[in-house]
């Protein structure tokens, strides 16, 4: 595992500006806009978000993984990425290597514990990509009505985690829910100075995320980033700062079984298991993000703890193993019959 980033200089703000245009560059056309490109595209196979679910018992706690879809981002998002090392990482992960784009899955989870239904994140909006936005369909597939959800836990407030909170008319979709997230995440996300590392092109995404959570401001429960907090029986909010300074994961513990839902610790399974030192340009603190990722990968491998993540390939539940001087991801086997 190389610990030194590529010598090629990266203008972080320039790449972030490029990413802000990525939805259109990758084929997402604003609603209501008709042009010759759309006419040409209409003859091709249409892209749309498809969902599936996967159920798992962690002791007495049920976990339901929901596939919200997938998207792709420019390879420039990966800090320190070396093309030769990236190609080898893809080979080791049995993934296709694309020098230009990084495919990224989008997932969320639902937990049932002690009569309480907890949603973990609420998916991505379809304007990011025609192949995301299936969170609500995933709930339907799981047999869960929005009004049944007691708690919405947000790992953080990025756009691809909050889409299901408000409908197209600006109304809450989860009327009874308690919104739980870290105090740091709420405060920083509404602080323009804290968000100043993002270029102006990202302002619409920030405003979108704020608009998704503001209707719940009187239903929020802000937890500390200084310690783990039990938010329901056997369910703990775990501080994992770096991606955002208020980023959190969820640890589930029941009957000597455990699962760590680590939010956005990993964006690209293709590269970041082999190279946990490669952070993304989206991270608020790339060095802290890399440190948190390496520590959690090492701990998960040592403890043989099942892990889950918002950008792991579906069914987005698996294990971490050490591989030479780095790590690899093993998708969890389906244990039929219990």
Protein backbone atom coordinates (compact mmCIF):
# COMPACT_ATOMS: atom_id res chain seq x y z
CA UNK A 1 0.00 0.00 0.00
CA UNK A 2 1.48 3.31 -1.03
CA UNK A 3 1.35 5.94 1.68
CA UNK A 4 2.37 8.83 -0.54
CA UNK A 5 -0.12 10.58 -2.76
CA UNK A 6 0.46 11.26 -6.42
CA UNK A 7 2.87 14.10 -7.14
CA UNK A 8 0.41 15.59 -9.58
CA UNK A 9 -0.94 18.83 -8.06
CA UNK A 10 -4.70 19.00 -7.50
CA UNK A 11 -6.68 22.21 -7.36
CA UNK A 12 -9.35 21.09 -4.90
CA UNK A 13 -11.74 23.98 -5.54
CA UNK A 14 -11.43 23.58 -9.30
CA UNK A 15 -12.31 19.88 -9.10
CA UNK A 16 -15.20 20.58 -6.73
CA UNK A 17 -16.49 23.13 -9.24
CA UNK A 18 -16.20 20.47 -11.91
CA UNK A 19 -18.16 18.05 -9.72
CA UNK A 20 -20.95 20.56 -9.24
CA UNK A 21 -21.54 20.34 -12.98
CA UNK A 22 -21.21 16.55 -12.99
CA UNK A 23 -24.95 15.72 -12.86
CA UNK A 24 -25.50 17.48 -16.19
CA UNK A 25 -22.22 16.20 -17.63
CA UNK A 26 -23.23 12.66 -16.74
CA UNK A 27 -26.58 12.93 -18.45
CA UNK A 28 -28.95 14.53 -15.95
CA UNK A 29 -30.94 17.26 -17.67
CA UNK A 30 -32.94 19.73 -15.53
CA UNK A 31 -36.67 19.00 -15.50
CA UNK A 32 -38.61 20.84 -18.17
CA UNK A 33 -35.63 21.35 -20.46
CA UNK A 34 -36.15 19.85 -23.91
CA UNK A 35 -33.44 19.87 -26.53
CA UNK A 36 -31.96 17.79 -29.30
CA UNK A 37 -29.83 15.83 -26.85
CA UNK A 38 -32.96 14.63 -25.07
CA UNK A 39 -34.56 13.74 -28.38
CA UNK A 40 -31.51 11.66 -29.29
CA UNK A 41 -31.40 10.05 -25.86
CA UNK A 42 -35.06 9.09 -26.03
CA UNK A 43 -34.26 6.49 -28.66
CA UNK A 44 -31.80 4.79 -26.30
CA UNK A 45 -32.68 2.53 -23.41
CA UNK A 46 -33.95 4.82 -20.61
CA UNK A 47 -32.10 4.87 -17.31
CA UNK A 48 -34.04 4.83 -14.07
CA UNK A 49 -33.49 4.03 -10.43
CA UNK A 50 -34.21 0.49 -9.37
CA UNK A 51 -34.34 -0.74 -5.80
CA UNK A 52 -33.97 -3.96 -3.91
CA UNK A 53 -33.79 -4.82 -0.25
CA UNK A 54 -31.86 -7.28 1.89
CA UNK A 55 -32.93 -8.38 5.37
CA UNK A 56 -30.57 -9.43 8.13
CA UNK A 57 -30.94 -10.25 11.83
CA UNK A 58 -28.27 -8.95 14.20
CA UNK A 59 -29.26 -10.86 17.32
CA UNK A 60 -32.84 -9.71 17.96
CA UNK A 61 -32.53 -6.54 15.83
CA UNK A 62 -33.69 -6.60 12.21
CA UNK A 63 -31.68 -4.63 9.67
CA UNK A 64 -33.02 -3.92 6.18
CA UNK A 65 -30.59 -2.66 3.55
CA UNK A 66 -32.21 -0.57 0.80
CA UNK A 67 -30.58 0.06 -2.58
CA UNK A 68 -31.32 3.62 -3.64
CA UNK A 69 -29.45 3.26 -6.93
CA UNK A 70 -26.02 4.19 -8.22
CA UNK A 71 -24.21 7.02 -9.93
CA UNK A 72 -20.74 7.92 -11.20
CA UNK A 73 -18.40 10.78 -10.44
CA UNK A 74 -15.22 12.00 -12.14
CA UNK A 75 -12.12 10.07 -11.07
CA UNK A 76 -10.59 13.40 -10.02
CA UNK A 77 -12.62 13.19 -6.81
CA UNK A 78 -10.08 10.69 -5.42
CA UNK A 79 -7.16 12.49 -3.81
CA UNK A 80 -3.80 10.81 -4.40
CA UNK A 81 -5.14 8.38 -7.00
CA UNK A 82 -2.33 6.95 -9.12
CA UNK A 83 -3.60 5.41 -12.40
CA UNK A 84 -1.31 2.37 -12.25
CA UNK A 85 -2.11 1.67 -8.60
CA UNK A 86 -5.80 2.28 -9.27
CA UNK A 87 -5.80 -0.26 -12.08
CA UNK A 88 -4.17 -2.82 -9.79
CA UNK A 89 -6.64 -2.02 -7.00
CA UNK A 90 -9.54 -2.61 -9.40
CA UNK A 91 -8.02 -5.95 -10.42
CA UNK A 92 -7.67 -7.04 -6.79
CA UNK A 93 -11.29 -6.02 -6.14
CA UNK A 94 -12.53 -7.86 -9.25
CA UNK A 95 -13.93 -4.56 -10.55
CA UNK A 96 -13.77 -2.93 -13.97
CA UNK A 97 -11.21 -0.14 -14.21
CA UNK A 98 -12.38 3.17 -15.70
CA UNK A 99 -9.75 5.93 -15.80
CA UNK A 100 -12.40 8.64 -16.08
CA UNK A 101 -15.29 7.72 -13.80
CA UNK A 102 -15.80 6.10 -10.41
CA UNK A 103 -19.08 4.22 -9.98
CA UNK A 104 -20.71 4.80 -6.61
CA UNK A 105 -23.62 2.90 -5.08
CA UNK A 106 -26.14 4.70 -2.87
CA UNK A 107 -27.76 2.79 0.01
CA UNK A 108 -29.72 3.37 3.17
CA UNK A 109 -30.90 1.17 6.03
CA UNK A 110 -33.88 0.56 8.29
CA UNK A 111 -33.60 -0.94 11.78
CA UNK A 112 -36.33 -2.54 13.87
CA UNK A 113 -35.48 -2.75 17.57
CA UNK A 114 -37.71 -3.04 20.63
CA UNK A 115 -40.79 -1.89 18.74
CA UNK A 116 -38.99 1.11 17.22
CA UNK A 117 -38.38 1.62 13.49
CA UNK A 118 -35.27 3.66 12.70
CA UNK A 119 -34.35 4.81 9.20
CA UNK A 120 -30.64 5.46 8.58
CA UNK A 121 -30.41 8.17 5.90
CA UNK A 122 -33.02 8.92 3.25
CA UNK A 123 -31.38 8.44 -0.12
CA UNK A 124 -30.44 10.67 -3.04
CA UNK A 125 -32.57 12.96 -5.24
CA UNK A 126 -33.10 11.97 -8.85
CA UNK A 127 -31.59 15.23 -10.11
CA UNK A 128 -28.15 13.86 -9.16
CA UNK A 129 -28.55 10.99 -11.60
CA UNK A 130 -31.42 9.17 -13.35
CA UNK A 131 -30.24 5.98 -11.64
CA UNK A 132 -30.78 7.14 -8.03
CA UNK A 133 -33.86 8.18 -6.10
CA UNK A 134 -35.48 4.84 -5.23
CA UNK A 135 -35.52 5.21 -1.44
CA UNK A 136 -39.30 5.51 -1.11
CA UNK A 137 -39.78 2.52 -3.41
CA UNK A 138 -37.40 0.62 -1.15
CA UNK A 139 -39.57 1.37 1.87
CA UNK A 140 -42.59 0.09 -0.05
CA UNK A 141 -40.71 -3.08 -0.94
CA UNK A 142 -39.84 -3.55 2.74
CA UNK A 143 -43.49 -3.08 3.71
CA UNK A 144 -42.81 0.07 5.71
CA UNK A 145 -45.05 3.13 5.45
CA UNK A 146 -43.37 6.53 6.11
CA UNK A 147 -45.70 7.22 9.02
CA UNK A 148 -44.44 4.04 10.73
CA UNK A 149 -40.88 5.36 11.02
CA UNK A 150 -40.18 6.58 14.54
CA UNK A 151 -36.67 7.93 14.06
CA UNK A 152 -34.61 9.22 11.13
CA UNK A 153 -30.89 9.06 11.87
CA UNK A 154 -28.72 11.08 9.47
CA UNK A 155 -25.10 10.07 9.22
CA UNK A 156 -24.57 13.56 7.77
CA UNK A 157 -26.40 16.17 5.71
CA UNK A 158 -24.99 15.70 2.21
CA UNK A 159 -27.48 15.78 -0.65
CA UNK A 160 -27.40 12.04 -1.35
CA UNK A 161 -28.54 11.24 2.21
CA UNK A 162 -31.57 13.50 2.75
CA UNK A 163 -33.79 13.30 -0.35
CA UNK A 164 -36.66 11.35 1.20
CA UNK A 165 -37.38 13.81 4.00
CA UNK A 166 -39.48 16.28 2.02
CA UNK A 167 -41.77 15.76 -0.98
CA UNK A 168 -41.99 17.80 -4.18
CA UNK A 169 -44.42 20.18 -2.47
CA UNK A 170 -42.03 20.91 0.39
CA UNK A 171 -44.02 18.87 2.93
CA UNK A 172 -42.56 16.43 5.43
CA UNK A 173 -42.82 12.82 4.32
CA UNK A 174 -42.16 11.47 7.84
CA UNK A 175 -44.63 13.41 10.00
CA UNK A 176 -44.03 11.62 13.30
CA UNK A 177 -40.29 11.11 13.05
CA UNK A 178 -37.62 12.20 15.51
CA UNK A 179 -34.67 13.53 13.48
CA UNK A 180 -31.36 12.47 15.03
CA UNK A 181 -27.94 13.70 13.92
CA UNK A 182 -24.86 15.15 15.51
CA UNK A 183 -24.93 18.64 16.95
CA UNK A 184 -21.78 19.44 14.96
CA UNK A 185 -23.40 18.34 11.69
CA UNK A 186 -26.45 20.54 12.21
CA UNK A 187 -24.42 23.57 13.28
CA UNK A 188 -21.76 23.30 10.57
CA UNK A 189 -24.27 22.67 7.78
CA UNK A 190 -26.04 25.94 8.54
CA UNK A 191 -22.81 27.91 8.99
CA UNK A 192 -21.78 29.62 5.75
CA UNK A 193 -18.25 30.14 7.03
CA UNK A 194 -17.87 26.44 7.80
CA UNK A 195 -19.13 25.61 4.30
CA UNK A 196 -16.78 28.10 2.62
CA UNK A 197 -14.37 25.35 1.54
CA UNK A 198 -16.96 24.49 -1.09
CA UNK A 199 -16.98 26.66 -4.24
CA UNK A 200 -20.03 28.76 -5.08
CA UNK A 201 -21.21 26.15 -7.59
CA UNK A 202 -22.12 23.89 -4.67
CA UNK A 203 -24.48 26.44 -3.11
CA UNK A 204 -27.62 24.82 -4.62
CA UNK A 205 -26.69 21.46 -3.09
CA UNK A 206 -26.12 23.01 0.33
CA UNK A 207 -29.43 24.88 0.13
CA UNK A 208 -31.21 21.72 -0.97
CA UNK A 209 -29.93 19.77 2.04
CA UNK A 210 -30.85 22.57 4.42
CA UNK A 211 -34.34 22.68 2.93
CA UNK A 212 -34.78 18.94 3.43
CA UNK A 213 -34.06 19.03 7.16
CA UNK A 214 -35.44 22.43 8.23
CA UNK A 215 -39.08 21.22 8.40
CA UNK A 216 -37.91 18.88 11.18
CA UNK A 217 -36.11 21.49 13.29
CA UNK A 218 -38.69 21.17 16.08
CA UNK A 219 -38.40 17.37 16.03
CA UNK A 220 -34.62 17.12 16.16
CA UNK A 221 -32.44 15.39 18.71
CA UNK A 222 -28.82 16.49 18.39
CA UNK A 223 -26.23 14.11 19.82
CA UNK A 224 -22.64 14.72 20.87
CA UNK A 225 -19.56 14.08 18.74
CA UNK A 226 -17.55 13.51 21.93
CA UNK A 227 -18.86 10.03 22.73
CA UNK A 228 -21.03 7.16 21.58
CA UNK A 229 -24.73 7.70 22.32
CA UNK A 230 -27.33 4.95 22.64
CA UNK A 231 -30.27 6.22 20.57
CA UNK A 232 -32.43 3.07 20.93
CA UNK A 233 -31.97 -0.33 22.60
CA UNK A 234 -28.82 -1.84 21.09
CA UNK A 235 -28.30 1.03 18.63
CA UNK A 236 -25.46 3.51 19.15
CA UNK A 237 -24.48 6.70 17.32
CA UNK A 238 -20.70 6.62 16.76
CA UNK A 239 -18.64 9.76 15.95
CA UNK A 240 -16.60 9.31 12.74
CA UNK A 241 -15.45 12.83 11.81
CA UNK A 242 -13.54 13.59 8.63
CA UNK A 243 -15.95 13.27 5.73
CA UNK A 244 -17.82 16.02 7.53
CA UNK A 245 -16.83 17.16 10.98
CA UNK A 246 -20.19 15.91 12.27
CA UNK A 247 -20.21 12.62 10.35
CA UNK A 248 -21.45 9.63 12.38
CA UNK A 249 -21.95 5.91 12.01
CA UNK A 250 -24.34 3.50 13.75
CA UNK A 251 -23.23 0.50 15.77
CA UNK A 252 -25.77 -2.26 16.37
CA UNK A 253 -25.23 -4.72 19.21
CA UNK A 254 -27.51 -7.62 20.19
CA UNK A 255 -26.93 -11.11 21.62
CA UNK A 256 -23.15 -11.00 21.08
CA UNK A 257 -23.62 -10.01 17.45
CA UNK A 258 -22.70 -6.63 16.01
CA UNK A 259 -22.87 -4.54 12.85
CA UNK A 260 -21.21 -1.21 12.09
CA UNK A 261 -23.03 1.01 9.59
CA UNK A 262 -20.18 3.39 8.82
CA UNK A 263 -21.87 5.99 6.64
CA UNK A 264 -19.42 7.45 4.09
CA UNK A 265 -16.17 6.01 5.47
CA UNK A 266 -15.82 4.34 2.05
CA UNK A 267 -16.99 5.97 -1.18
CA UNK A 268 -15.28 3.60 -3.62
CA UNK A 269 -14.92 -0.08 -2.67
CA UNK A 270 -12.82 -0.42 -5.82
CA UNK A 271 -10.03 1.77 -4.48
CA UNK A 272 -10.33 2.69 -0.81
CA UNK A 273 -9.93 -0.78 0.69
CA UNK A 274 -6.59 -1.13 -1.09
CA UNK A 275 -5.77 2.53 -0.52
CA UNK A 276 -7.48 3.87 2.61
CA UNK A 277 -5.11 6.84 2.41
CA UNK A 278 -6.97 7.99 -0.73
CA UNK A 279 -9.63 10.35 0.54
CA UNK A 280 -12.14 12.17 -1.65
CA UNK A 281 -12.26 15.79 -2.53
CA UNK A 282 -15.73 15.87 -0.96
CA UNK A 283 -14.25 15.27 2.49
CA UNK A 284 -14.18 18.29 4.78
CA UNK A 285 -10.87 17.09 6.25
CA UNK A 286 -9.25 14.53 3.91
CA UNK A 287 -6.43 13.65 6.33
CA UNK A 288 -8.85 13.07 9.21
CA UNK A 289 -11.12 11.08 6.91
CA UNK A 290 -8.21 8.82 5.90
CA UNK A 291 -7.22 8.32 9.55
CA UNK A 292 -10.80 7.41 10.54
CA UNK A 293 -11.09 5.02 7.60
CA UNK A 294 -7.80 3.25 8.32
CA UNK A 295 -8.60 2.89 12.02
CA UNK A 296 -12.07 1.48 11.33
CA UNK A 297 -10.85 -0.91 8.62
CA UNK A 298 -8.14 -2.21 10.95
CA UNK A 299 -10.57 -2.60 13.83
CA UNK A 300 -13.23 -4.31 11.67
CA UNK A 301 -10.69 -6.77 10.28
CA UNK A 302 -9.29 -7.57 13.73
CA UNK A 303 -12.72 -8.04 15.33
CA UNK A 304 -14.35 -9.75 12.31
CA UNK A 305 -17.24 -7.31 12.69
CA UNK A 306 -19.82 -7.10 9.93
CA UNK A 307 -19.86 -3.69 8.28
CA UNK A 308 -22.32 -1.76 6.14
CA UNK A 309 -22.03 1.50 4.25
CA UNK A 310 -23.94 3.95 2.12
CA UNK A 311 -21.59 3.45 -0.83
CA UNK A 312 -20.73 -0.24 -0.62
CA UNK A 313 -21.92 -2.43 -3.47
CA UNK A 314 -25.35 -3.83 -2.67
CA UNK A 315 -26.33 -5.79 -0.58
CA UNK A 316 -23.91 -3.45 1.19
CA UNK A 317 -23.20 -5.79 4.11
CA UNK A 318 -19.89 -7.56 4.50
CA UNK A 319 -16.54 -8.00 6.18
CA UNK A 320 -13.08 -6.47 6.03
CA UNK A 321 -9.98 -8.65 5.69
CA UNK A 322 -6.35 -7.67 5.77
CA UNK A 323 -4.64 -8.16 2.41
CA UNK A 324 -0.86 -7.73 2.42
CA UNK A 325 -0.37 -4.19 3.69
CA UNK A 326 -3.94 -3.08 3.03
CA UNK A 327 -7.49 -4.48 3.12
CA UNK A 328 -10.16 -6.08 0.99
CA UNK A 329 -13.95 -6.27 1.23
CA UNK A 330 -15.83 -9.57 1.41
CA UNK A 331 -19.58 -9.40 0.78
CA UNK A 332 -21.52 -11.14 3.54
CA UNK A 333 -22.73 -14.63 2.63
CA UNK A 334 -26.42 -15.41 2.76
CA UNK A 335 -26.91 -17.87 5.59
CA UNK A 336 -30.07 -19.61 4.48
CA UNK A 337 -32.21 -21.07 7.20
CA UNK A 338 -31.07 -18.78 9.99
